[in-house]
Amino acid sequence: GSVTYGTDREYEEYAKAKEYLEKDLVMKVEIGDRA
């Protein structure tokens, strides 16, 4: 299918994951943690 999630709950979980990962990314860039 064009989108791999199948339920509203899964969509909400991915959206939440995106939010937390973006926060984590900001911190990793700030401290110079390339890995």
PDB file of all heavy atoms in Angstrom:
ATOM      1  N   GLY A   1       0.842  -1.192   0.000  1.00  0.00           N
ATOM      2  CA  GLY A   1       0.000   0.000   0.000  1.00  0.00           C
ATOM      3  C   GLY A   1       0.871   1.233   0.000  1.00  0.00           C
ATOM      4  O   GLY A   1       2.064   1.175   0.272  1.00  0.00           O
ATOM      5  N   SER A   2       0.275   2.383  -0.280  1.00  0.00           N
ATOM      6  CA  SER A   2       1.060   3.603  -0.371  1.00  0.00           C
ATOM      7  C   SER A   2       1.531   4.076   0.994  1.00  0.00           C
ATOM      8  O   SER A   2       2.518   4.784   1.105  1.00  0.00           O
ATOM      9  CB  SER A   2       0.231   4.705  -1.038  1.00  0.00           C
ATOM     10  OG  SER A   2      -0.940   4.943  -0.303  1.00  0.00           O
ATOM     11  N   VAL A   3       0.823   3.689   2.060  1.00  0.00           N
ATOM     12  CA  VAL A   3       1.201   4.065   3.412  1.00  0.00           C
ATOM     13  C   VAL A   3       1.228   2.797   4.242  1.00  0.00           C
ATOM     14  O   VAL A   3       0.354   1.959   4.135  1.00  0.00           O
ATOM     15  CB  VAL A   3       0.180   5.062   4.012  1.00  0.00           C
ATOM     16  CG1 VAL A   3       0.599   5.479   5.405  1.00  0.00           C
ATOM     17  CG2 VAL A   3       0.046   6.288   3.122  1.00  0.00           C
ATOM     18  N   THR A   4       2.265   2.634   5.076  1.00  0.00           N
ATOM     19  CA  THR A   4       2.432   1.363   5.752  1.00  0.00           C
ATOM     20  C   THR A   4       1.642   1.248   7.047  1.00  0.00           C
ATOM     21  O   THR A   4       1.440   0.161   7.537  1.00  0.00           O
ATOM     22  CB  THR A   4       3.920   1.092   6.048  1.00  0.00           C
ATOM     23  OG1 THR A   4       4.444   2.182   6.813  1.00  0.00           O
ATOM     24  CG2 THR A   4       4.711   0.940   4.788  1.00  0.00           C
ATOM     25  N   TYR A   5       1.217   2.373   7.662  1.00  0.00           N
ATOM     26  CA  TYR A   5       0.390   2.221   8.856  1.00  0.00           C
ATOM     27  C   TYR A   5      -1.026   1.889   8.417  1.00  0.00           C
ATOM     28  O   TYR A   5      -1.430   2.168   7.320  1.00  0.00           O
ATOM     29  CB  TYR A   5       0.411   3.499   9.727  1.00  0.00           C
ATOM     30  CG  TYR A   5      -0.178   4.714   9.068  1.00  0.00           C
ATOM     31  CD1 TYR A   5      -1.558   4.957   9.104  1.00  0.00           C
ATOM     32  CD2 TYR A   5       0.631   5.614   8.390  1.00  0.00           C
ATOM     33  CE1 TYR A   5      -2.101   6.067   8.474  1.00  0.00           C
ATOM     34  CE2 TYR A   5       0.089   6.723   7.770  1.00  0.00           C
ATOM     35  CZ  TYR A   5      -1.267   6.937   7.817  1.00  0.00           C
ATOM     36  OH  TYR A   5      -1.805   8.037   7.213  1.00  0.00           O
ATOM     37  N   GLY A   6      -1.789   1.294   9.332  1.00  0.00           N
ATOM     38  CA  GLY A   6      -3.125   0.881   8.938  1.00  0.00           C
ATOM     39  C   GLY A   6      -4.230   1.391   9.837  1.00  0.00           C
ATOM     40  O   GLY A   6      -5.393   1.324   9.477  1.00  0.00           O
ATOM     41  N   THR A   7      -3.921   1.884  11.037  1.00  0.00           N
ATOM     42  CA  THR A   7      -4.952   2.328  11.962  1.00  0.00           C
ATOM     43  C   THR A   7      -4.655   3.729  12.456  1.00  0.00           C
ATOM     44  O   THR A   7      -3.521   4.208  12.375  1.00  0.00           O
ATOM     45  CB  THR A   7      -5.029   1.383  13.172  1.00  0.00           C
ATOM     46  OG1 THR A   7      -3.802   1.492  13.917  1.00  0.00           O
ATOM     47  CG2 THR A   7      -5.215  -0.067  12.751  1.00  0.00           C
ATOM     48  N   ASP A   8      -5.688   4.391  13.001  1.00  0.00           N
ATOM     49  CA  ASP A   8      -5.492   5.729  13.564  1.00  0.00           C
ATOM     50  C   ASP A   8      -4.491   5.693  14.713  1.00  0.00           C
ATOM     51  O   ASP A   8      -3.693   6.606  14.881  1.00  0.00           O
ATOM     52  CB  ASP A   8      -6.842   6.279  14.075  1.00  0.00           C
ATOM     53  CG  ASP A   8      -7.783   6.614  12.936  1.00  0.00           C
ATOM     54  OD1 ASP A   8      -7.293   6.781  11.802  1.00  0.00           O
ATOM     55  OD2 ASP A   8      -8.999   6.690  13.174  1.00  0.00           O
ATOM     56  N   ARG A   9      -4.549   4.625  15.489  1.00  0.00           N
ATOM     57  CA  ARG A   9      -3.633   4.485  16.624  1.00  0.00           C
ATOM     58  C   ARG A   9      -2.182   4.439  16.145  1.00  0.00           C
ATOM     59  O   ARG A   9      -1.304   5.070  16.717  1.00  0.00           O
ATOM     60  CB  ARG A   9      -3.975   3.225  17.422  1.00  0.00           C
ATOM     61  CG  ARG A   9      -3.077   3.016  18.634  1.00  0.00           C
ATOM     62  CD  ARG A   9      -3.485   1.762  19.405  1.00  0.00           C
ATOM     63  NE  ARG A   9      -2.557   1.481  20.488  1.00  0.00           N
ATOM     64  CZ  ARG A   9      -2.569   2.114  21.653  1.00  0.00           C
ATOM     65  NH1 ARG A   9      -3.455   3.055  21.893  1.00  0.00           N
ATOM     66  NH2 ARG A   9      -1.697   1.797  22.593  1.00  0.00           N
ATOM     67  N   GLU A  10      -1.922   3.669  15.084  1.00  0.00           N
ATOM     68  CA  GLU A  10      -0.566   3.580  14.544  1.00  0.00           C
ATOM     69  C   GLU A  10      -0.100   4.937  14.026  1.00  0.00           C
ATOM     70  O   GLU A  10       1.047   5.327  14.234  1.00  0.00           O
ATOM     71  CB  GLU A  10      -0.513   2.535  13.428  1.00  0.00           C
ATOM     72  CG  GLU A  10      -0.551   1.109  13.948  1.00  0.00           C
ATOM     73  CD  GLU A  10      -0.606   0.084  12.841  1.00  0.00           C
ATOM     74  OE1 GLU A  10      -0.954   0.457  11.706  1.00  0.00           O
ATOM     75  OE2 GLU A  10      -0.318  -1.090  13.111  1.00  0.00           O
ATOM     76  N   TYR A  11      -1.014   5.667  13.355  1.00  0.00           N
ATOM     77  CA  TYR A  11      -0.662   6.998  12.858  1.00  0.00           C
ATOM     78  C   TYR A  11      -0.251   7.906  14.014  1.00  0.00           C
ATOM     79  O   TYR A  11       0.753   8.615  13.943  1.00  0.00           O
ATOM     80  CB  TYR A  11      -1.849   7.616  12.108  1.00  0.00           C
ATOM     81  CG  TYR A  11      -1.545   9.000  11.589  1.00  0.00           C
ATOM     82  CD1 TYR A  11      -0.942   9.172  10.345  1.00  0.00           C
ATOM     83  CD2 TYR A  11      -1.828  10.141  12.350  1.00  0.00           C
ATOM     84  CE1 TYR A  11      -0.632  10.433   9.868  1.00  0.00           C
ATOM     85  CE2 TYR A  11      -1.516  11.402  11.874  1.00  0.00           C
ATOM     86  CZ  TYR A  11      -0.922  11.541  10.639  1.00  0.00           C
ATOM     87  OH  TYR A  11      -0.604  12.793  10.188  1.00  0.00           O
ATOM     88  N   GLU A  12      -1.017   7.879  15.094  1.00  0.00           N
ATOM     89  CA  GLU A  12      -0.718   8.705  16.267  1.00  0.00           C
ATOM     90  C   GLU A  12       0.630   8.337  16.872  1.00  0.00           C
ATOM     91  O   GLU A  12       1.398   9.207  17.301  1.00  0.00           O
ATOM     92  CB  GLU A  12      -1.816   8.545  17.320  1.00  0.00           C
ATOM     93  CG  GLU A  12      -3.127   9.248  16.955  1.00  0.00           C
ATOM     94  CD  GLU A  12      -4.294   8.812  17.841  1.00  0.00           C
ATOM     95  OE1 GLU A  12      -4.040   8.142  18.860  1.00  0.00           O
ATOM     96  OE2 GLU A  12      -5.442   9.143  17.486  1.00  0.00           O
ATOM     97  N   GLU A  13       0.934   7.043  16.890  1.00  0.00           N
ATOM     98  CA  GLU A  13       2.215   6.586  17.452  1.00  0.00           C
ATOM     99  C   GLU A  13       3.392   7.071  16.612  1.00  0.00           C
ATOM    100  O   GLU A  13       4.417   7.482  17.139  1.00  0.00           O
ATOM    101  CB  GLU A  13       2.213   5.062  17.566  1.00  0.00           C
ATOM    102  CG  GLU A  13       1.350   4.572  18.730  1.00  0.00           C
ATOM    103  CD  GLU A  13       1.175   3.066  18.757  1.00  0.00           C
ATOM    104  OE1 GLU A  13       1.675   2.387  17.833  1.00  0.00           O
ATOM    105  OE2 GLU A  13       0.543   2.569  19.704  1.00  0.00           O
ATOM    106  N   TYR A  14       3.239   7.012  15.275  1.00  0.00           N
ATOM    107  CA  TYR A  14       4.311   7.509  14.400  1.00  0.00           C
ATOM    108  C   TYR A  14       4.498   9.022  14.559  1.00  0.00           C
ATOM    109  O   TYR A  14       5.628   9.520  14.568  1.00  0.00           O
ATOM    110  CB  TYR A  14       4.019   7.168  12.935  1.00  0.00           C
ATOM    111  CG  TYR A  14       4.247   5.714  12.591  1.00  0.00           C
ATOM    112  CD1 TYR A  14       3.226   4.931  12.052  1.00  0.00           C
ATOM    113  CD2 TYR A  14       5.483   5.120  12.791  1.00  0.00           C
ATOM    114  CE1 TYR A  14       3.432   3.589  11.734  1.00  0.00           C
ATOM    115  CE2 TYR A  14       5.698   3.784  12.474  1.00  0.00           C
ATOM    116  CZ  TYR A  14       4.675   3.024  11.949  1.00  0.00           C
ATOM    117  OH  TYR A  14       4.889   1.710  11.640  1.00  0.00           O
ATOM    118  N   ALA A  15       3.396   9.748  14.673  1.00  0.00           N
ATOM    119  CA  ALA A  15       3.470  11.196  14.847  1.00  0.00           C
ATOM    120  C   ALA A  15       4.185  11.546  16.146  1.00  0.00           C
ATOM    121  O   ALA A  15       4.989  12.490  16.211  1.00  0.00           O
ATOM    122  CB  ALA A  15       2.067  11.802  14.823  1.00  0.00           C
ATOM    123  N   LYS A  16       3.918  10.771  17.203  1.00  0.00           N
ATOM    124  CA  LYS A  16       4.557  10.984  18.498  1.00  0.00           C
ATOM    125  C   LYS A  16       6.042  10.656  18.415  1.00  0.00           C
ATOM    126  O   LYS A  16       6.895  11.373  18.949  1.00  0.00           O
ATOM    127  CB  LYS A  16       3.874  10.094  19.547  1.00  0.00           C
ATOM    128  CG  LYS A  16       4.037  10.570  20.978  1.00  0.00           C
ATOM    129  CD  LYS A  16       3.177  11.793  21.239  1.00  0.00           C
ATOM    130  CE  LYS A  16       3.251  12.212  22.696  1.00  0.00           C
ATOM    131  NZ  LYS A  16       2.763  13.589  22.899  1.00  0.00           N
ATOM    132  N   ALA A  17       6.359   9.558  17.728  1.00  0.00           N
ATOM    133  CA  ALA A  17       7.759   9.160  17.538  1.00  0.00           C
ATOM    134  C   ALA A  17       8.526  10.264  16.814  1.00  0.00           C
ATOM    135  O   ALA A  17       9.660  10.603  17.188  1.00  0.00           O
ATOM    136  CB  ALA A  17       7.833   7.864  16.739  1.00  0.00           C
ATOM    137  N   LYS A  18       7.917  10.839  15.792  1.00  0.00           N
ATOM    138  CA  LYS A  18       8.532  11.929  15.026  1.00  0.00           C
ATOM    139  C   LYS A  18       8.857  13.115  15.944  1.00  0.00           C
ATOM    140  O   LYS A  18       9.961  13.673  15.902  1.00  0.00           O
ATOM    141  CB  LYS A  18       7.580  12.358  13.909  1.00  0.00           C
ATOM    142  CG  LYS A  18       7.997  13.581  13.125  1.00  0.00           C
ATOM    143  CD  LYS A  18       6.998  13.850  12.015  1.00  0.00           C
ATOM    144  CE  LYS A  18       7.163  15.215  11.389  1.00  0.00           C
ATOM    145  NZ  LYS A  18       6.675  16.299  12.240  1.00  0.00           N
ATOM    146  N   GLU A  19       7.922  13.468  16.790  1.00  0.00           N
ATOM    147  CA  GLU A  19       8.100  14.598  17.722  1.00  0.00           C
ATOM    148  C   GLU A  19       9.311  14.363  18.635  1.00  0.00           C
ATOM    149  O   GLU A  19      10.165  15.248  18.800  1.00  0.00           O
ATOM    150  CB  GLU A  19       6.824  14.739  18.558  1.00  0.00           C
ATOM    151  CG  GLU A  19       6.853  15.872  19.561  1.00  0.00           C
ATOM    152  CD  GLU A  19       5.642  15.845  20.501  1.00  0.00           C
ATOM    153  OE1 GLU A  19       4.563  15.355  20.084  1.00  0.00           O
ATOM    154  OE2 GLU A  19       5.787  16.298  21.651  1.00  0.00           O
ATOM    155  N   TYR A  20       9.400  13.175  19.227  1.00  0.00           N
ATOM    156  CA  TYR A  20      10.503  12.875  20.147  1.00  0.00           C
ATOM    157  C   TYR A  20      11.841  12.765  19.432  1.00  0.00           C
ATOM    158  O   TYR A  20      12.874  13.209  19.946  1.00  0.00           O
ATOM    159  CB  TYR A  20      10.207  11.590  20.924  1.00  0.00           C
ATOM    160  CG  TYR A  20       9.211  11.801  22.038  1.00  0.00           C
ATOM    161  CD1 TYR A  20       7.915  11.309  21.948  1.00  0.00           C
ATOM    162  CD2 TYR A  20       9.546  12.517  23.191  1.00  0.00           C
ATOM    163  CE1 TYR A  20       6.983  11.513  22.957  1.00  0.00           C
ATOM    164  CE2 TYR A  20       8.623  12.724  24.213  1.00  0.00           C
ATOM    165  CZ  TYR A  20       7.351  12.218  24.093  1.00  0.00           C
ATOM    166  OH  TYR A  20       6.439  12.432  25.094  1.00  0.00           O
ATOM    167  N   LEU A  21      11.837  12.169  18.241  1.00  0.00           N
ATOM    168  CA  LEU A  21      13.081  12.031  17.481  1.00  0.00           C
ATOM    169  C   LEU A  21      13.620  13.382  17.029  1.00  0.00           C
ATOM    170  O   LEU A  21      14.826  13.595  16.994  1.00  0.00           O
ATOM    171  CB  LEU A  21      12.864  11.109  16.277  1.00  0.00           C
ATOM    172  CG  LEU A  21      12.743   9.616  16.608  1.00  0.00           C
ATOM    173  CD1 LEU A  21      12.202   8.839  15.423  1.00  0.00           C
ATOM    174  CD2 LEU A  21      14.095   9.047  17.046  1.00  0.00           C
ATOM    175  N   GLU A  22      12.733  14.299  16.674  1.00  0.00           N
ATOM    176  CA  GLU A  22      13.166  15.644  16.273  1.00  0.00           C
ATOM    177  C   GLU A  22      13.810  16.381  17.444  1.00  0.00           C
ATOM    178  O   GLU A  22      14.790  17.112  17.268  1.00  0.00           O
ATOM    179  CB  GLU A  22      11.994  16.426  15.694  1.00  0.00           C
ATOM    180  CG  GLU A  22      11.641  15.981  14.275  1.00  0.00           C
ATOM    181  CD  GLU A  22      10.378  16.602  13.719  1.00  0.00           C
ATOM    182  OE1 GLU A  22       9.552  17.093  14.526  1.00  0.00           O
ATOM    183  OE2 GLU A  22      10.195  16.573  12.481  1.00  0.00           O
ATOM    184  N   LYS A  23      13.277  16.177  18.653  1.00  0.00           N
ATOM    185  CA  LYS A  23      13.883  16.779  19.857  1.00  0.00           C
ATOM    186  C   LYS A  23      15.266  16.168  20.117  1.00  0.00           C
ATOM    187  O   LYS A  23      16.226  16.872  20.429  1.00  0.00           O
ATOM    188  CB  LYS A  23      12.981  16.552  21.072  1.00  0.00           C
ATOM    189  CG  LYS A  23      11.732  17.422  21.084  1.00  0.00           C
ATOM    190  CD  LYS A  23      10.843  17.098  22.283  1.00  0.00           C
ATOM    191  CE  LYS A  23       9.579  17.968  22.269  1.00  0.00           C
ATOM    192  NZ  LYS A  23       8.646  17.599  23.353  1.00  0.00           N
ATOM    193  N   ASP A  24      15.343  14.857  19.969  1.00  0.00           N
ATOM    194  CA  ASP A  24      16.610  14.151  20.168  1.00  0.00           C
ATOM    195  C   ASP A  24      17.651  14.622  19.156  1.00  0.00           C
ATOM    196  O   ASP A  24      18.821  14.836  19.502  1.00  0.00           O
ATOM    197  CB  ASP A  24      16.371  12.645  20.026  1.00  0.00           C
ATOM    198  CG  ASP A  24      17.566  11.804  20.462  1.00  0.00           C
ATOM    199  OD1 ASP A  24      18.363  12.296  21.288  1.00  0.00           O
ATOM    200  OD2 ASP A  24      17.701  10.673  19.991  1.00  0.00           O
ATOM    201  N   LEU A  25      17.222  14.802  17.901  1.00  0.00           N
ATOM    202  CA  LEU A  25      18.126  15.251  16.841  1.00  0.00           C
ATOM    203  C   LEU A  25      18.731  16.609  17.161  1.00  0.00           C
ATOM    204  O   LEU A  25      19.940  16.824  16.997  1.00  0.00           O
ATOM    205  CB  LEU A  25      17.377  15.314  15.502  1.00  0.00           C
ATOM    206  CG  LEU A  25      18.168  15.842  14.313  1.00  0.00           C
ATOM    207  CD1 LEU A  25      19.388  14.982  14.028  1.00  0.00           C
ATOM    208  CD2 LEU A  25      17.274  15.919  13.077  1.00  0.00           C
ATOM    209  N   VAL A  26      17.920  17.539  17.635  1.00  0.00           N
ATOM    210  CA  VAL A  26      18.401  18.878  18.001  1.00  0.00           C
ATOM    211  C   VAL A  26      19.529  18.763  19.026  1.00  0.00           C
ATOM    212  O   VAL A  26      20.575  19.413  18.906  1.00  0.00           O
ATOM    213  CB  VAL A  26      17.251  19.756  18.549  1.00  0.00           C
ATOM    214  CG1 VAL A  26      17.796  21.039  19.173  1.00  0.00           C
ATOM    215  CG2 VAL A  26      16.265  20.090  17.435  1.00  0.00           C
ATOM    216  N   MET A  27      19.331  17.919  20.035  1.00  0.00           N
ATOM    217  CA  MET A  27      20.345  17.747  21.084  1.00  0.00           C
ATOM    218  C   MET A  27      21.617  17.114  20.540  1.00  0.00           C
ATOM    219  O   MET A  27      22.727  17.514  20.900  1.00  0.00           O
ATOM    220  CB  MET A  27      19.773  16.910  22.234  1.00  0.00           C
ATOM    221  CG  MET A  27      18.755  17.659  23.074  1.00  0.00           C
ATOM    222  SD  MET A  27      18.283  16.760  24.561  1.00  0.00           S
ATOM    223  CE  MET A  27      17.083  15.616  23.887  1.00  0.00           C
ATOM    224  N   LYS A  28      21.468  16.101  19.674  1.00  0.00           N
ATOM    225  CA  LYS A  28      22.643  15.424  19.106  1.00  0.00           C
ATOM    226  C   LYS A  28      23.482  16.406  18.272  1.00  0.00           C
ATOM    227  O   LYS A  28      24.710  16.378  18.317  1.00  0.00           O
ATOM    228  CB  LYS A  28      22.220  14.241  18.224  1.00  0.00           C
ATOM    229  CG  LYS A  28      21.459  13.131  18.937  1.00  0.00           C
ATOM    230  CD  LYS A  28      22.277  12.445  19.997  1.00  0.00           C
ATOM    231  CE  LYS A  28      21.503  11.267  20.573  1.00  0.00           C
ATOM    232  NZ  LYS A  28      22.102  10.744  21.803  1.00  0.00           N
ATOM    233  N   VAL A  29      22.809  17.254  17.503  1.00  0.00           N
ATOM    234  CA  VAL A  29      23.518  18.248  16.684  1.00  0.00           C
ATOM    235  C   VAL A  29      24.222  19.252  17.598  1.00  0.00           C
ATOM    236  O   VAL A  29      25.388  19.610  17.363  1.00  0.00           O
ATOM    237  CB  VAL A  29      22.542  18.970  15.722  1.00  0.00           C
ATOM    238  CG1 VAL A  29      23.245  20.121  15.013  1.00  0.00           C
ATOM    239  CG2 VAL A  29      21.969  17.987  14.701  1.00  0.00           C
ATOM    240  N   GLU A  30      23.555  19.702  18.652  1.00  0.00           N
ATOM    241  CA  GLU A  30      24.113  20.677  19.604  1.00  0.00           C
ATOM    242  C   GLU A  30      25.399  20.181  20.253  1.00  0.00           C
ATOM    243  O   GLU A  30      26.356  20.931  20.408  1.00  0.00           O
ATOM    244  CB  GLU A  30      23.099  20.975  20.710  1.00  0.00           C
ATOM    245  CG  GLU A  30      22.096  22.065  20.358  1.00  0.00           C
ATOM    246  CD  GLU A  30      21.063  22.274  21.463  1.00  0.00           C
ATOM    247  OE1 GLU A  30      21.246  21.721  22.577  1.00  0.00           O
ATOM    248  OE2 GLU A  30      20.062  22.980  21.212  1.00  0.00           O
ATOM    249  N   ILE A  31      25.424  18.889  20.652  1.00  0.00           N
ATOM    250  CA  ILE A  31      26.596  18.360  21.367  1.00  0.00           C
ATOM    251  C   ILE A  31      27.633  17.741  20.423  1.00  0.00           C
ATOM    252  O   ILE A  31      28.673  17.259  20.849  1.00  0.00           O
ATOM    253  CB  ILE A  31      26.187  17.334  22.446  1.00  0.00           C
ATOM    254  CG1 ILE A  31      25.532  16.085  21.817  1.00  0.00           C
ATOM    255  CG2 ILE A  31      25.269  17.975  23.480  1.00  0.00           C
ATOM    256  CD1 ILE A  31      25.235  14.975  22.809  1.00  0.00           C
ATOM    257  N   GLY A  32      27.342  17.776  19.136  1.00  0.00           N
ATOM    258  CA  GLY A  32      28.294  17.272  18.141  1.00  0.00           C
ATOM    259  C   GLY A  32      28.424  15.766  18.093  1.00  0.00           C
ATOM    260  O   GLY A  32      29.467  15.230  17.715  1.00  0.00           O
ATOM    261  N   ASP A  33      27.356  15.056  18.459  1.00  0.00           N
ATOM    262  CA  ASP A  33      27.355  13.595  18.421  1.00  0.00           C
ATOM    263  C   ASP A  33      26.932  13.139  17.026  1.00  0.00           C
ATOM    264  O   ASP A  33      25.751  12.950  16.738  1.00  0.00           O
ATOM    265  CB  ASP A  33      26.397  13.063  19.496  1.00  0.00           C
ATOM    266  CG  ASP A  33      26.296  11.535  19.511  1.00  0.00           C
ATOM    267  OD1 ASP A  33      26.944  10.893  18.661  1.00  0.00           O
ATOM    268  OD2 ASP A  33      25.565  11.001  20.359  1.00  0.00           O
ATOM    269  N   ARG A  34      27.949  12.928  16.145  1.00  0.00           N
ATOM    270  CA  ARG A  34      27.662  12.599  14.742  1.00  0.00           C
ATOM    271  C   ARG A  34      26.984  11.232  14.597  1.00  0.00           C
ATOM    272  O   ARG A  34      26.058  11.078  13.797  1.00  0.00           O
ATOM    273  CB  ARG A  34      28.960  12.603  13.920  1.00  0.00           C
ATOM    274  CG  ARG A  34      29.515  13.984  13.664  1.00  0.00           C
ATOM    275  CD  ARG A  34      28.680  14.782  12.700  1.00  0.00           C
ATOM    276  NE  ARG A  34      29.011  14.534  11.307  1.00  0.00           N
ATOM    277  CZ  ARG A  34      28.264  14.933  10.289  1.00  0.00           C
ATOM    278  NH1 ARG A  34      27.124  15.581  10.501  1.00  0.00           N
ATOM    279  NH2 ARG A  34      28.617  14.689   9.040  1.00  0.00           N
ATOM    280  N   ALA A  35      27.453  10.256  15.383  1.00  0.00           N
ATOM    281  CA  ALA A  35      26.855   8.922  15.297  1.00  0.00           C
ATOM    282  C   ALA A  35      25.391   8.972  15.730  1.00  0.00           C
ATOM    283  O   ALA A  35      24.511   8.400  15.079  1.00  0.00           O
ATOM    284  CB  ALA A  35      27.627   7.939  16.171  1.00  0.00           C
TER     285      ALA A  35
END
